Amino acid sequence: MARRDTPEINAGSMADIAFLLLIFFLVTTTMNVDSGVSKKLSEKPPADYVPPVIKEKNIFEVNINRNNELLVEGERMEVKDLKDAAVKFIDNGGGEGKVENGVATGPCNYCKGERSEKSSDHPNKAIISVQSDRLTEYGTYLTVQNELLRAYAELRNRLSLERYKIPFPELEEAYKDDRDNEDLKKKVEDIKTSYPQIISDAEPTSN
């Protein structure tokens, strides 16, 4: 019986095919992008710096445990309720009307809060302290931070509409497009100074 020769496989185009497949997957594959919170770190204070004394009522404590549960001012709270609670704290305006270092600490004539003596004196005194556990999910941490930023955004937008008849995001955008406009600069700084974002991240717990 005659022996048949096995025909050779033409592999000359395999490299081209592999290259085309590589290009295809590079073009069509979605790359994951890490999300995060943009924060500006403060400069190192001078050696002779003495930290100010902060009243306990001017600190809004937000704790996230390892089970991603929220404890706000010692009480359980759902994330969906955090923004409103933060607005209430920041906008309380319970100060007695004094000035420190040229900055008014109360009363807040633009605040619309309850002016409770047990809550913050003034928006520029209101500090939000966030503490998470080392096992807290990063997504939960970001959600909490986002709700706190929404609280500040709501207050700034309200004040901007009252004073300048324009939403604060539009005011900011207009200033970004015209950095030389001193009038826009003053307005943006006025709103940001009235409601400064003071969010402090405490050292994560490990228990």
N, C-alpha and C. Protein backbone atom coordinates (compact mmCIF):
# COMPACT_ATOMS: atom_id res chain seq x y z
N MET A 1 0.84 -1.18 0.00
CA MET A 1 0.00 0.00 0.00
C MET A 1 0.88 1.25 0.00
N ALA A 2 0.59 2.12 -0.90
CA ALA A 2 1.44 3.32 -1.02
C ALA A 2 1.23 4.24 0.18
N ARG A 3 2.29 4.82 0.68
CA ARG A 3 2.25 5.73 1.82
C ARG A 3 1.98 7.16 1.33
N ARG A 4 0.96 7.78 1.95
CA ARG A 4 0.63 9.14 1.57
C ARG A 4 1.45 10.15 2.39
N ASP A 5 1.91 11.15 1.74
CA ASP A 5 2.63 12.23 2.44
C ASP A 5 1.63 13.18 3.09
N THR A 6 1.89 13.52 4.37
CA THR A 6 1.03 14.46 5.08
C THR A 6 1.24 15.87 4.54
N PRO A 7 0.18 16.51 4.07
CA PRO A 7 0.37 17.86 3.50
C PRO A 7 0.77 18.87 4.58
N GLU A 8 1.64 19.75 4.23
CA GLU A 8 2.09 20.79 5.17
C GLU A 8 1.03 21.87 5.34
N ILE A 9 0.94 22.39 6.60
CA ILE A 9 0.01 23.47 6.88
C ILE A 9 0.73 24.79 6.70
N ASN A 10 0.14 25.64 5.91
CA ASN A 10 0.74 26.94 5.64
C ASN A 10 0.49 27.86 6.83
N ALA A 11 1.51 28.10 7.64
CA ALA A 11 1.38 28.94 8.83
C ALA A 11 1.95 30.34 8.60
N GLY A 12 2.13 30.68 7.38
CA GLY A 12 2.74 31.97 7.07
C GLY A 12 1.90 33.15 7.52
N SER A 13 0.57 33.00 7.54
CA SER A 13 -0.30 34.13 7.89
C SER A 13 -0.72 34.12 9.36
N MET A 14 -0.27 33.16 10.15
CA MET A 14 -0.67 33.07 11.57
C MET A 14 -0.24 34.30 12.37
N ALA A 15 0.93 34.79 12.07
CA ALA A 15 1.42 35.98 12.79
C ALA A 15 0.53 37.18 12.51
N ASP A 16 0.11 37.29 11.25
CA ASP A 16 -0.78 38.41 10.89
C ASP A 16 -2.12 38.29 11.60
N ILE A 17 -2.65 37.05 11.68
CA ILE A 17 -3.92 36.83 12.34
C ILE A 17 -3.82 37.16 13.83
N ALA A 18 -2.73 36.71 14.47
CA ALA A 18 -2.53 36.98 15.90
C ALA A 18 -2.42 38.47 16.16
N PHE A 19 -1.75 39.19 15.27
CA PHE A 19 -1.60 40.62 15.42
C PHE A 19 -2.95 41.33 15.29
N LEU A 20 -3.76 40.90 14.34
CA LEU A 20 -5.08 41.50 14.15
C LEU A 20 -5.98 41.24 15.36
N LEU A 21 -5.89 40.03 15.93
CA LEU A 21 -6.68 39.72 17.12
C LEU A 21 -6.24 40.58 18.31
N LEU A 22 -4.94 40.79 18.42
CA LEU A 22 -4.42 41.63 19.50
C LEU A 22 -4.95 43.06 19.38
N ILE A 23 -4.91 43.60 18.17
CA ILE A 23 -5.44 44.95 17.93
C ILE A 23 -6.93 45.00 18.25
N PHE A 24 -7.66 43.96 17.86
CA PHE A 24 -9.11 43.92 18.10
C PHE A 24 -9.42 43.97 19.59
N PHE A 25 -8.73 43.16 20.39
CA PHE A 25 -9.00 43.13 21.83
C PHE A 25 -8.55 44.42 22.53
N LEU A 26 -7.49 45.03 22.05
CA LEU A 26 -7.05 46.29 22.63
C LEU A 26 -8.07 47.40 22.38
N VAL A 27 -8.68 47.37 21.22
CA VAL A 27 -9.65 48.41 20.85
C VAL A 27 -10.98 48.22 21.55
N THR A 28 -11.42 46.97 21.69
CA THR A 28 -12.77 46.70 22.20
C THR A 28 -12.84 46.46 23.70
N THR A 29 -11.71 46.19 24.35
CA THR A 29 -11.73 45.91 25.78
C THR A 29 -11.86 47.20 26.59
N THR A 30 -12.74 47.17 27.58
CA THR A 30 -12.91 48.31 28.48
C THR A 30 -11.93 48.19 29.64
N MET A 31 -11.14 49.23 29.84
CA MET A 31 -10.15 49.22 30.91
C MET A 31 -10.77 49.78 32.18
N ASN A 32 -10.55 49.10 33.29
CA ASN A 32 -11.06 49.58 34.57
C ASN A 32 -10.24 50.79 35.04
N VAL A 33 -10.95 51.81 35.49
CA VAL A 33 -10.30 53.02 36.00
C VAL A 33 -10.62 53.15 37.48
N ASP A 34 -9.60 53.24 38.29
CA ASP A 34 -9.80 53.37 39.73
C ASP A 34 -10.49 54.68 40.06
N SER A 35 -11.51 54.61 40.90
CA SER A 35 -12.20 55.81 41.34
C SER A 35 -11.58 56.28 42.65
N GLY A 36 -11.76 57.55 42.95
CA GLY A 36 -11.18 58.06 44.18
C GLY A 36 -11.80 59.39 44.55
N VAL A 37 -11.33 59.94 45.65
CA VAL A 37 -11.80 61.22 46.13
C VAL A 37 -10.66 62.22 45.99
N SER A 38 -10.93 63.30 45.26
CA SER A 38 -9.91 64.33 45.07
C SER A 38 -9.83 65.21 46.31
N LYS A 39 -8.64 65.23 46.91
CA LYS A 39 -8.45 66.05 48.11
C LYS A 39 -7.11 66.76 48.04
N LYS A 40 -7.12 67.99 48.53
CA LYS A 40 -5.90 68.78 48.60
C LYS A 40 -5.33 68.69 50.00
N LEU A 41 -4.12 68.16 50.11
CA LEU A 41 -3.49 68.00 51.41
C LEU A 41 -3.01 69.35 51.93
N SER A 42 -3.19 69.56 53.21
CA SER A 42 -2.75 70.81 53.81
C SER A 42 -1.23 70.84 53.95
N GLU A 43 -0.69 72.04 53.98
CA GLU A 43 0.75 72.19 54.13
C GLU A 43 1.16 71.89 55.57
N LYS A 44 2.43 71.50 55.72
CA LYS A 44 2.94 71.18 57.05
C LYS A 44 2.98 72.44 57.90
N PRO A 45 2.37 72.42 59.09
CA PRO A 45 2.35 73.63 59.93
C PRO A 45 3.74 73.94 60.49
N PRO A 46 3.98 75.17 60.85
CA PRO A 46 5.29 75.53 61.43
C PRO A 46 5.50 74.85 62.77
N ALA A 47 6.75 74.82 63.20
CA ALA A 47 7.10 74.10 64.44
C ALA A 47 6.41 74.68 65.66
N ASP A 48 6.16 75.99 65.66
CA ASP A 48 5.56 76.64 66.82
C ASP A 48 4.02 76.70 66.73
N TYR A 49 3.45 75.94 65.80
CA TYR A 49 1.99 75.97 65.59
C TYR A 49 1.27 75.32 66.78
N VAL A 50 0.28 76.02 67.28
CA VAL A 50 -0.54 75.50 68.38
C VAL A 50 -1.95 75.24 67.85
N PRO A 51 -2.39 73.99 67.81
CA PRO A 51 -3.72 73.69 67.26
C PRO A 51 -4.82 74.35 68.08
N PRO A 52 -5.85 74.85 67.42
CA PRO A 52 -6.94 75.51 68.15
C PRO A 52 -7.77 74.52 68.95
N VAL A 53 -8.38 75.01 70.00
CA VAL A 53 -9.28 74.18 70.80
C VAL A 53 -10.62 74.08 70.08
N ILE A 54 -11.08 72.87 69.83
CA ILE A 54 -12.33 72.66 69.08
C ILE A 54 -13.40 72.12 70.02
N LYS A 55 -14.52 72.79 70.01
CA LYS A 55 -15.64 72.33 70.83
C LYS A 55 -16.19 71.02 70.27
N GLU A 56 -16.59 70.14 71.17
CA GLU A 56 -17.12 68.84 70.75
C GLU A 56 -18.36 69.00 69.88
N LYS A 57 -19.18 70.01 70.17
CA LYS A 57 -20.41 70.19 69.40
C LYS A 57 -20.14 70.64 67.97
N ASN A 58 -18.91 71.08 67.69
CA ASN A 58 -18.56 71.49 66.33
C ASN A 58 -17.97 70.35 65.51
N ILE A 59 -18.02 69.14 66.05
CA ILE A 59 -17.51 67.97 65.33
C ILE A 59 -18.66 67.00 65.05
N PHE A 60 -18.81 66.65 63.80
CA PHE A 60 -19.85 65.73 63.35
C PHE A 60 -19.16 64.40 63.04
N GLU A 61 -19.34 63.42 63.92
CA GLU A 61 -18.61 62.15 63.80
C GLU A 61 -19.37 61.15 62.94
N VAL A 62 -18.67 60.66 61.92
CA VAL A 62 -19.22 59.64 61.03
C VAL A 62 -18.28 58.42 61.08
N ASN A 63 -18.80 57.29 61.53
CA ASN A 63 -18.00 56.08 61.63
C ASN A 63 -18.56 54.99 60.72
N ILE A 64 -17.66 54.30 60.02
CA ILE A 64 -18.05 53.18 59.15
C ILE A 64 -17.35 51.94 59.67
N ASN A 65 -18.12 50.92 60.07
CA ASN A 65 -17.48 49.73 60.61
C ASN A 65 -17.12 48.73 59.50
N ARG A 66 -16.57 47.59 59.89
CA ARG A 66 -16.10 46.60 58.92
C ARG A 66 -17.24 45.93 58.16
N ASN A 67 -18.46 46.08 58.68
CA ASN A 67 -19.63 45.54 57.99
C ASN A 67 -20.30 46.58 57.10
N ASN A 68 -19.60 47.70 56.90
CA ASN A 68 -20.09 48.80 56.06
C ASN A 68 -21.36 49.45 56.61
N GLU A 69 -21.49 49.41 57.93
CA GLU A 69 -22.63 50.04 58.59
C GLU A 69 -22.19 51.41 59.10
N LEU A 70 -23.15 52.33 59.11
CA LEU A 70 -22.87 53.72 59.44
C LEU A 70 -23.32 54.06 60.85
N LEU A 71 -22.43 54.71 61.60
CA LEU A 71 -22.75 55.20 62.93
C LEU A 71 -22.46 56.70 62.93
N VAL A 72 -23.51 57.52 63.04
CA VAL A 72 -23.37 58.97 62.97
C VAL A 72 -23.77 59.58 64.31
N GLU A 73 -22.83 60.29 64.92
CA GLU A 73 -23.07 60.88 66.23
C GLU A 73 -23.57 59.83 67.22
N GLY A 74 -23.00 58.64 67.13
CA GLY A 74 -23.33 57.56 68.07
C GLY A 74 -24.59 56.79 67.75
N GLU A 75 -25.26 57.09 66.65
CA GLU A 75 -26.50 56.41 66.30
C GLU A 75 -26.42 55.81 64.91
N ARG A 76 -27.08 54.65 64.73
CA ARG A 76 -27.12 54.01 63.43
C ARG A 76 -27.85 54.90 62.43
N MET A 77 -27.34 54.92 61.20
CA MET A 77 -27.97 55.74 60.16
C MET A 77 -27.75 55.08 58.80
N GLU A 78 -28.75 55.20 57.93
CA GLU A 78 -28.63 54.74 56.56
C GLU A 78 -27.87 55.79 55.75
N VAL A 79 -27.12 55.33 54.77
CA VAL A 79 -26.33 56.25 53.94
C VAL A 79 -27.23 57.28 53.27
N LYS A 80 -28.43 56.88 52.89
CA LYS A 80 -29.34 57.79 52.19
C LYS A 80 -29.76 58.98 53.06
N ASP A 81 -29.62 58.85 54.37
CA ASP A 81 -30.01 59.93 55.28
C ASP A 81 -28.83 60.81 55.70
N LEU A 82 -27.63 60.44 55.25
CA LEU A 82 -26.43 61.14 55.71
C LEU A 82 -26.36 62.58 55.21
N LYS A 83 -26.70 62.82 53.96
CA LYS A 83 -26.61 64.17 53.40
C LYS A 83 -27.46 65.16 54.19
N ASP A 84 -28.70 64.79 54.45
CA ASP A 84 -29.59 65.70 55.18
C ASP A 84 -29.11 65.95 56.60
N ALA A 85 -28.54 64.92 57.23
CA ALA A 85 -28.00 65.08 58.59
C ALA A 85 -26.80 66.01 58.58
N ALA A 86 -25.96 65.89 57.55
CA ALA A 86 -24.79 66.76 57.44
C ALA A 86 -25.20 68.21 57.18
N VAL A 87 -26.20 68.41 56.33
CA VAL A 87 -26.71 69.76 56.05
C VAL A 87 -27.23 70.40 57.33
N LYS A 88 -27.96 69.64 58.10
CA LYS A 88 -28.52 70.15 59.35
C LYS A 88 -27.42 70.58 60.31
N PHE A 89 -26.35 69.80 60.37
CA PHE A 89 -25.23 70.12 61.26
C PHE A 89 -24.47 71.35 60.78
N ILE A 90 -24.08 71.36 59.51
CA ILE A 90 -23.28 72.47 58.96
C ILE A 90 -24.03 73.78 59.04
N ASP A 91 -25.34 73.74 58.75
CA ASP A 91 -26.15 74.93 58.61
C ASP A 91 -26.85 75.33 59.91
N ASN A 92 -26.44 74.75 61.03
CA ASN A 92 -27.11 75.02 62.29
C ASN A 92 -27.04 76.48 62.70
N GLY A 93 -25.82 77.05 62.68
CA GLY A 93 -25.65 78.47 62.99
C GLY A 93 -26.00 78.84 64.41
N GLY A 94 -25.48 78.07 65.37
CA GLY A 94 -25.84 78.30 66.76
C GLY A 94 -24.88 79.17 67.53
N GLY A 95 -23.96 79.87 66.83
CA GLY A 95 -22.97 80.70 67.50
C GLY A 95 -23.57 81.94 68.13
N GLU A 96 -22.81 82.58 69.02
CA GLU A 96 -23.31 83.72 69.77
C GLU A 96 -22.89 85.06 69.20
N GLY A 97 -22.19 85.09 68.12
CA GLY A 97 -21.86 86.36 67.49
C GLY A 97 -20.54 86.96 67.90
N LYS A 98 -19.45 86.25 67.69
CA LYS A 98 -18.14 86.80 67.99
C LYS A 98 -17.23 86.65 66.77
N VAL A 99 -16.13 87.38 66.79
CA VAL A 99 -15.20 87.36 65.67
C VAL A 99 -13.83 86.91 66.16
N GLU A 100 -13.24 85.93 65.46
CA GLU A 100 -11.91 85.43 65.82
C GLU A 100 -11.01 85.52 64.59
N ASN A 101 -9.88 86.22 64.73
CA ASN A 101 -8.93 86.39 63.64
C ASN A 101 -9.59 86.98 62.40
N GLY A 102 -10.53 87.89 62.62
CA GLY A 102 -11.18 88.56 61.50
C GLY A 102 -12.26 87.74 60.82
N VAL A 103 -12.57 86.54 61.36
CA VAL A 103 -13.58 85.67 60.76
C VAL A 103 -14.77 85.56 61.69
N ALA A 104 -15.94 85.86 61.16
CA ALA A 104 -17.16 85.77 61.98
C ALA A 104 -17.48 84.32 62.28
N THR A 105 -17.69 84.03 63.55
CA THR A 105 -18.03 82.66 63.95
C THR A 105 -19.49 82.55 64.36
N GLY A 106 -20.22 83.62 64.31
CA GLY A 106 -21.64 83.57 64.61
C GLY A 106 -22.13 84.94 65.03
N PRO A 107 -23.42 85.21 65.00
CA PRO A 107 -24.37 84.26 64.42
C PRO A 107 -24.27 84.23 62.89
N CYS A 108 -24.66 83.15 62.32
CA CYS A 108 -24.62 83.00 60.87
C CYS A 108 -25.90 83.60 60.30
N ASN A 109 -25.78 84.74 59.64
CA ASN A 109 -26.98 85.43 59.15
C ASN A 109 -27.55 84.84 57.87
N TYR A 110 -26.87 83.84 57.31
CA TYR A 110 -27.38 83.18 56.11
C TYR A 110 -27.76 81.72 56.37
N CYS A 111 -27.48 81.24 57.57
CA CYS A 111 -27.84 79.86 57.93
C CYS A 111 -29.35 79.76 58.14
N LYS A 112 -29.90 78.62 57.82
CA LYS A 112 -31.33 78.41 57.99
C LYS A 112 -31.61 77.21 58.91
N GLY A 113 -30.62 76.90 59.76
CA GLY A 113 -30.76 75.77 60.66
C GLY A 113 -31.54 76.10 61.91
N GLU A 114 -31.54 75.17 62.85
CA GLU A 114 -32.32 75.30 64.08
C GLU A 114 -31.65 76.21 65.11
N ARG A 115 -30.38 76.56 64.88
CA ARG A 115 -29.60 77.36 65.83
C ARG A 115 -29.57 76.72 67.22
N SER A 116 -29.43 75.42 67.21
CA SER A 116 -29.37 74.68 68.47
C SER A 116 -28.03 74.91 69.16
N GLU A 117 -28.07 75.08 70.47
CA GLU A 117 -26.84 75.27 71.24
C GLU A 117 -26.02 73.97 71.32
N LYS A 118 -26.64 72.85 70.95
CA LYS A 118 -25.96 71.57 71.04
C LYS A 118 -25.28 71.18 69.74
N SER A 119 -25.46 71.99 68.69
CA SER A 119 -24.85 71.69 67.39
C SER A 119 -23.87 72.78 67.01
N SER A 120 -23.40 72.77 65.78
CA SER A 120 -22.30 73.64 65.37
C SER A 120 -22.61 75.13 65.50
N ASP A 121 -21.57 75.91 65.81
CA ASP A 121 -21.70 77.35 65.97
C ASP A 121 -21.86 78.08 64.64
N HIS A 122 -21.10 77.62 63.65
CA HIS A 122 -21.01 78.35 62.38
C HIS A 122 -20.45 77.39 61.33
N PRO A 123 -20.83 77.56 60.04
CA PRO A 123 -20.29 76.68 59.00
C PRO A 123 -18.77 76.64 58.95
N ASN A 124 -18.09 77.76 59.28
CA ASN A 124 -16.63 77.73 59.23
C ASN A 124 -16.02 77.13 60.49
N LYS A 125 -16.87 76.69 61.42
CA LYS A 125 -16.40 75.97 62.60
C LYS A 125 -16.82 74.50 62.56
N ALA A 126 -17.73 74.17 61.65
CA ALA A 126 -18.28 72.81 61.58
C ALA A 126 -17.30 71.86 60.92
N ILE A 127 -16.87 70.85 61.66
CA ILE A 127 -15.91 69.86 61.17
C ILE A 127 -16.59 68.51 61.07
N ILE A 128 -16.46 67.87 59.92
CA ILE A 128 -16.99 66.52 59.74
C ILE A 128 -15.83 65.54 59.82
N SER A 129 -15.88 64.65 60.79
CA SER A 129 -14.81 63.67 61.00
C SER A 129 -15.28 62.29 60.55
N VAL A 130 -14.57 61.72 59.58
CA VAL A 130 -14.93 60.41 59.04
C VAL A 130 -13.88 59.39 59.47
N GLN A 131 -14.35 58.33 60.11
CA GLN A 131 -13.44 57.26 60.52
C GLN A 131 -13.99 55.93 60.02
N SER A 132 -13.16 55.18 59.34
CA SER A 132 -13.56 53.88 58.80
C SER A 132 -12.72 52.78 59.43
N ASP A 133 -13.15 51.55 59.21
CA ASP A 133 -12.39 50.39 59.66
C ASP A 133 -11.47 49.95 58.53
N ARG A 134 -10.39 49.28 58.86
CA ARG A 134 -9.47 48.83 57.81
C ARG A 134 -10.11 47.80 56.89
N LEU A 135 -11.21 47.20 57.32
CA LEU A 135 -11.92 46.22 56.49
C LEU A 135 -13.16 46.81 55.81
N THR A 136 -13.36 48.11 55.97
CA THR A 136 -14.48 48.76 55.28
C THR A 136 -14.25 48.71 53.77
N GLU A 137 -15.30 48.41 53.03
CA GLU A 137 -15.19 48.38 51.58
C GLU A 137 -14.95 49.78 51.04
N TYR A 138 -14.06 49.88 50.06
CA TYR A 138 -13.71 51.18 49.50
C TYR A 138 -14.92 51.86 48.86
N GLY A 139 -15.78 51.05 48.27
CA GLY A 139 -16.98 51.60 47.65
C GLY A 139 -17.89 52.28 48.66
N THR A 140 -18.01 51.70 49.84
CA THR A 140 -18.82 52.30 50.90
C THR A 140 -18.20 53.62 51.36
N TYR A 141 -16.88 53.62 51.51
CA TYR A 141 -16.18 54.84 51.91
C TYR A 141 -16.41 55.97 50.90
N LEU A 142 -16.33 55.64 49.61
CA LEU A 142 -16.55 56.64 48.58
C LEU A 142 -17.99 57.16 48.59
N THR A 143 -18.93 56.26 48.83
CA THR A 143 -20.34 56.66 48.88
C THR A 143 -20.57 57.65 50.01
N VAL A 144 -19.98 57.37 51.18
CA VAL A 144 -20.11 58.27 52.33
C VAL A 144 -19.51 59.64 52.01
N GLN A 145 -18.31 59.65 51.43
CA GLN A 145 -17.67 60.91 51.08
C GLN A 145 -18.51 61.69 50.07
N ASN A 146 -19.09 60.97 49.12
CA ASN A 146 -19.91 61.63 48.11
C ASN A 146 -21.15 62.29 48.73
N GLU A 147 -21.77 61.61 49.70
CA GLU A 147 -22.95 62.18 50.36
C GLU A 147 -22.58 63.44 51.14
N LEU A 148 -21.41 63.44 51.76
CA LEU A 148 -20.97 64.63 52.50
C LEU A 148 -20.68 65.79 51.55
N LEU A 149 -20.08 65.49 50.40
CA LEU A 149 -19.82 66.54 49.41
C LEU A 149 -21.13 67.07 48.83
N ARG A 150 -22.11 66.20 48.70
CA ARG A 150 -23.43 66.64 48.23
C ARG A 150 -24.08 67.62 49.21
N ALA A 151 -23.83 67.41 50.49
CA ALA A 151 -24.37 68.32 51.51
C ALA A 151 -23.79 69.72 51.32
N TYR A 152 -22.47 69.81 51.14
CA TYR A 152 -21.85 71.11 50.91
C TYR A 152 -22.32 71.72 49.60
N ALA A 153 -22.45 70.88 48.57
CA ALA A 153 -22.90 71.39 47.27
C ALA A 153 -24.30 71.98 47.36
N GLU A 154 -25.18 71.33 48.13
CA GLU A 154 -26.54 71.83 48.28
C GLU A 154 -26.56 73.19 48.97
N LEU A 155 -25.77 73.34 50.04
CA LEU A 155 -25.73 74.60 50.78
C LEU A 155 -25.11 75.72 49.95
N ARG A 156 -24.04 75.41 49.24
CA ARG A 156 -23.40 76.43 48.40
C ARG A 156 -24.33 76.87 47.27
N ASN A 157 -25.02 75.91 46.69
CA ASN A 157 -25.91 76.25 45.59
C ASN A 157 -27.07 77.12 46.08
N ARG A 158 -27.60 76.81 47.25
CA ARG A 158 -28.69 77.61 47.80
C ARG A 158 -28.26 79.05 48.05
N LEU A 159 -27.07 79.21 48.64
CA LEU A 159 -26.59 80.55 48.95
C LEU A 159 -26.26 81.33 47.68
N SER A 160 -25.72 80.65 46.68
CA SER A 160 -25.39 81.29 45.42
C SER A 160 -26.66 81.81 44.72
N LEU A 161 -27.72 81.03 44.79
CA LEU A 161 -28.98 81.46 44.19
C LEU A 161 -29.56 82.67 44.94
N GLU A 162 -29.41 82.67 46.26
CA GLU A 162 -29.93 83.77 47.05
C GLU A 162 -29.17 85.07 46.81
N ARG A 163 -27.84 84.96 46.75
CA ARG A 163 -27.02 86.17 46.64
C ARG A 163 -26.81 86.65 45.20
N TYR A 164 -26.65 85.70 44.27
CA TYR A 164 -26.27 86.09 42.91
C TYR A 164 -27.22 85.59 41.83
N LYS A 165 -28.30 84.93 42.23
CA LYS A 165 -29.33 84.47 41.30
C LYS A 165 -28.79 83.52 40.23
N ILE A 166 -27.78 82.76 40.60
CA ILE A 166 -27.20 81.81 39.66
C ILE A 166 -26.74 80.57 40.43
N PRO A 167 -27.01 79.35 39.92
CA PRO A 167 -26.55 78.13 40.60
C PRO A 167 -25.03 78.14 40.74
N PHE A 168 -24.54 77.62 41.85
CA PHE A 168 -23.10 77.68 42.10
C PHE A 168 -22.28 76.93 41.05
N PRO A 169 -22.71 75.74 40.57
CA PRO A 169 -21.92 75.07 39.52
C PRO A 169 -21.74 75.96 38.28
N GLU A 170 -22.78 76.72 37.91
CA GLU A 170 -22.66 77.61 36.77
C GLU A 170 -21.72 78.77 37.07
N LEU A 171 -21.76 79.25 38.29
CA LEU A 171 -20.86 80.32 38.70
C LEU A 171 -19.41 79.87 38.65
N GLU A 172 -19.16 78.68 39.15
CA GLU A 172 -17.80 78.11 39.11
C GLU A 172 -17.33 77.90 37.68
N GLU A 173 -18.23 77.38 36.84
CA GLU A 173 -17.87 77.13 35.45
C GLU A 173 -17.55 78.42 34.72
N ALA A 174 -18.34 79.46 35.00
CA ALA A 174 -18.09 80.76 34.37
C ALA A 174 -16.72 81.31 34.78
N TYR A 175 -16.34 81.09 36.04
CA TYR A 175 -15.04 81.57 36.51
C TYR A 175 -13.89 80.76 35.89
N LYS A 176 -14.12 79.46 35.69
CA LYS A 176 -13.09 78.63 35.06
C LYS A 176 -12.82 79.09 33.63
N ASP A 177 -13.87 79.57 32.97
CA ASP A 177 -13.72 80.04 31.59
C ASP A 177 -13.16 81.45 31.50
N ASP A 178 -13.16 82.16 32.62
CA ASP A 178 -12.68 83.55 32.63
C ASP A 178 -11.97 83.84 33.95
N ARG A 179 -10.76 83.33 34.06
CA ARG A 179 -9.99 83.45 35.30
C ARG A 179 -9.60 84.88 35.63
N ASP A 180 -9.64 85.78 34.67
CA ASP A 180 -9.26 87.16 34.91
C ASP A 180 -10.42 88.02 35.40
N ASN A 181 -11.59 87.42 35.50
CA ASN A 181 -12.77 88.16 35.94
C ASN A 181 -12.78 88.26 37.46
N GLU A 182 -12.44 89.41 37.98
CA GLU A 182 -12.34 89.60 39.43
C GLU A 182 -13.71 89.50 40.12
N ASP A 183 -14.75 89.93 39.43
CA ASP A 183 -16.09 89.88 40.01
C ASP A 183 -16.52 88.42 40.23
N LEU A 184 -16.29 87.57 39.22
CA LEU A 184 -16.62 86.15 39.36
C LEU A 184 -15.77 85.50 40.45
N LYS A 185 -14.50 85.88 40.50
CA LYS A 185 -13.59 85.33 41.51
C LYS A 185 -14.10 85.63 42.92
N LYS A 186 -14.51 86.88 43.15
CA LYS A 186 -15.00 87.28 44.47
C LYS A 186 -16.27 86.51 44.84
N LYS A 187 -17.13 86.32 43.87
CA LYS A 187 -18.38 85.60 44.13
C LYS A 187 -18.12 84.14 44.49
N VAL A 188 -17.24 83.49 43.73
CA VAL A 188 -16.91 82.09 44.01
C VAL A 188 -16.26 81.95 45.38
N GLU A 189 -15.31 82.83 45.67
CA GLU A 189 -14.63 82.79 46.97
C GLU A 189 -15.59 83.09 48.11
N ASP A 190 -16.55 83.97 47.87
CA ASP A 190 -17.54 84.31 48.88
C ASP A 190 -18.37 83.09 49.26
N ILE A 191 -18.83 82.34 48.27
CA ILE A 191 -19.65 81.15 48.55
C ILE A 191 -18.82 80.06 49.22
N LYS A 192 -17.60 79.86 48.73
CA LYS A 192 -16.75 78.82 49.32
C LYS A 192 -16.33 79.17 50.74
N THR A 193 -16.12 80.45 51.02
CA THR A 193 -15.76 80.87 52.37
C THR A 193 -16.95 80.75 53.31
N SER A 194 -18.14 81.01 52.79
CA SER A 194 -19.34 80.91 53.61
C SER A 194 -19.62 79.47 54.03
N TYR A 195 -19.34 78.54 53.12
CA TYR A 195 -19.51 77.11 53.42
C TYR A 195 -18.25 76.35 53.05
N PRO A 196 -17.19 76.47 53.85
CA PRO A 196 -15.94 75.76 53.54
C PRO A 196 -16.10 74.26 53.77
N GLN A 197 -15.52 73.47 52.89
CA GLN A 197 -15.58 72.02 53.03
C GLN A 197 -14.52 71.57 54.04
N ILE A 198 -14.96 71.24 55.24
CA ILE A 198 -14.03 70.80 56.28
C ILE A 198 -14.36 69.36 56.64
N ILE A 199 -13.72 68.44 55.92
CA ILE A 199 -13.93 67.01 56.14
C ILE A 199 -12.60 66.40 56.54
N SER A 200 -12.55 65.83 57.72
CA SER A 200 -11.31 65.25 58.26
C SER A 200 -11.41 63.73 58.27
N ASP A 201 -10.35 63.07 57.79
CA ASP A 201 -10.27 61.61 57.81
C ASP A 201 -9.45 61.16 59.01
N ALA A 202 -10.11 60.51 59.95
CA ALA A 202 -9.41 59.99 61.13
C ALA A 202 -8.69 58.69 60.78
N GLU A 203 -7.74 58.31 61.59
CA GLU A 203 -6.98 57.07 61.39
C GLU A 203 -7.94 55.89 61.43
N PRO A 204 -7.90 55.00 60.41
CA PRO A 204 -8.82 53.85 60.40
C PRO A 204 -8.62 52.94 61.61
N THR A 205 -9.71 52.36 62.08
CA THR A 205 -9.62 51.43 63.18
C THR A 205 -9.32 50.04 62.66
N SER A 206 -8.86 49.15 63.52
CA SER A 206 -8.50 47.80 63.10
C SER A 206 -9.12 46.74 63.98
N ASN A 207 -10.13 47.14 64.80
CA ASN A 207 -10.76 46.14 65.67
C ASN A 207 -12.19 45.90 65.24
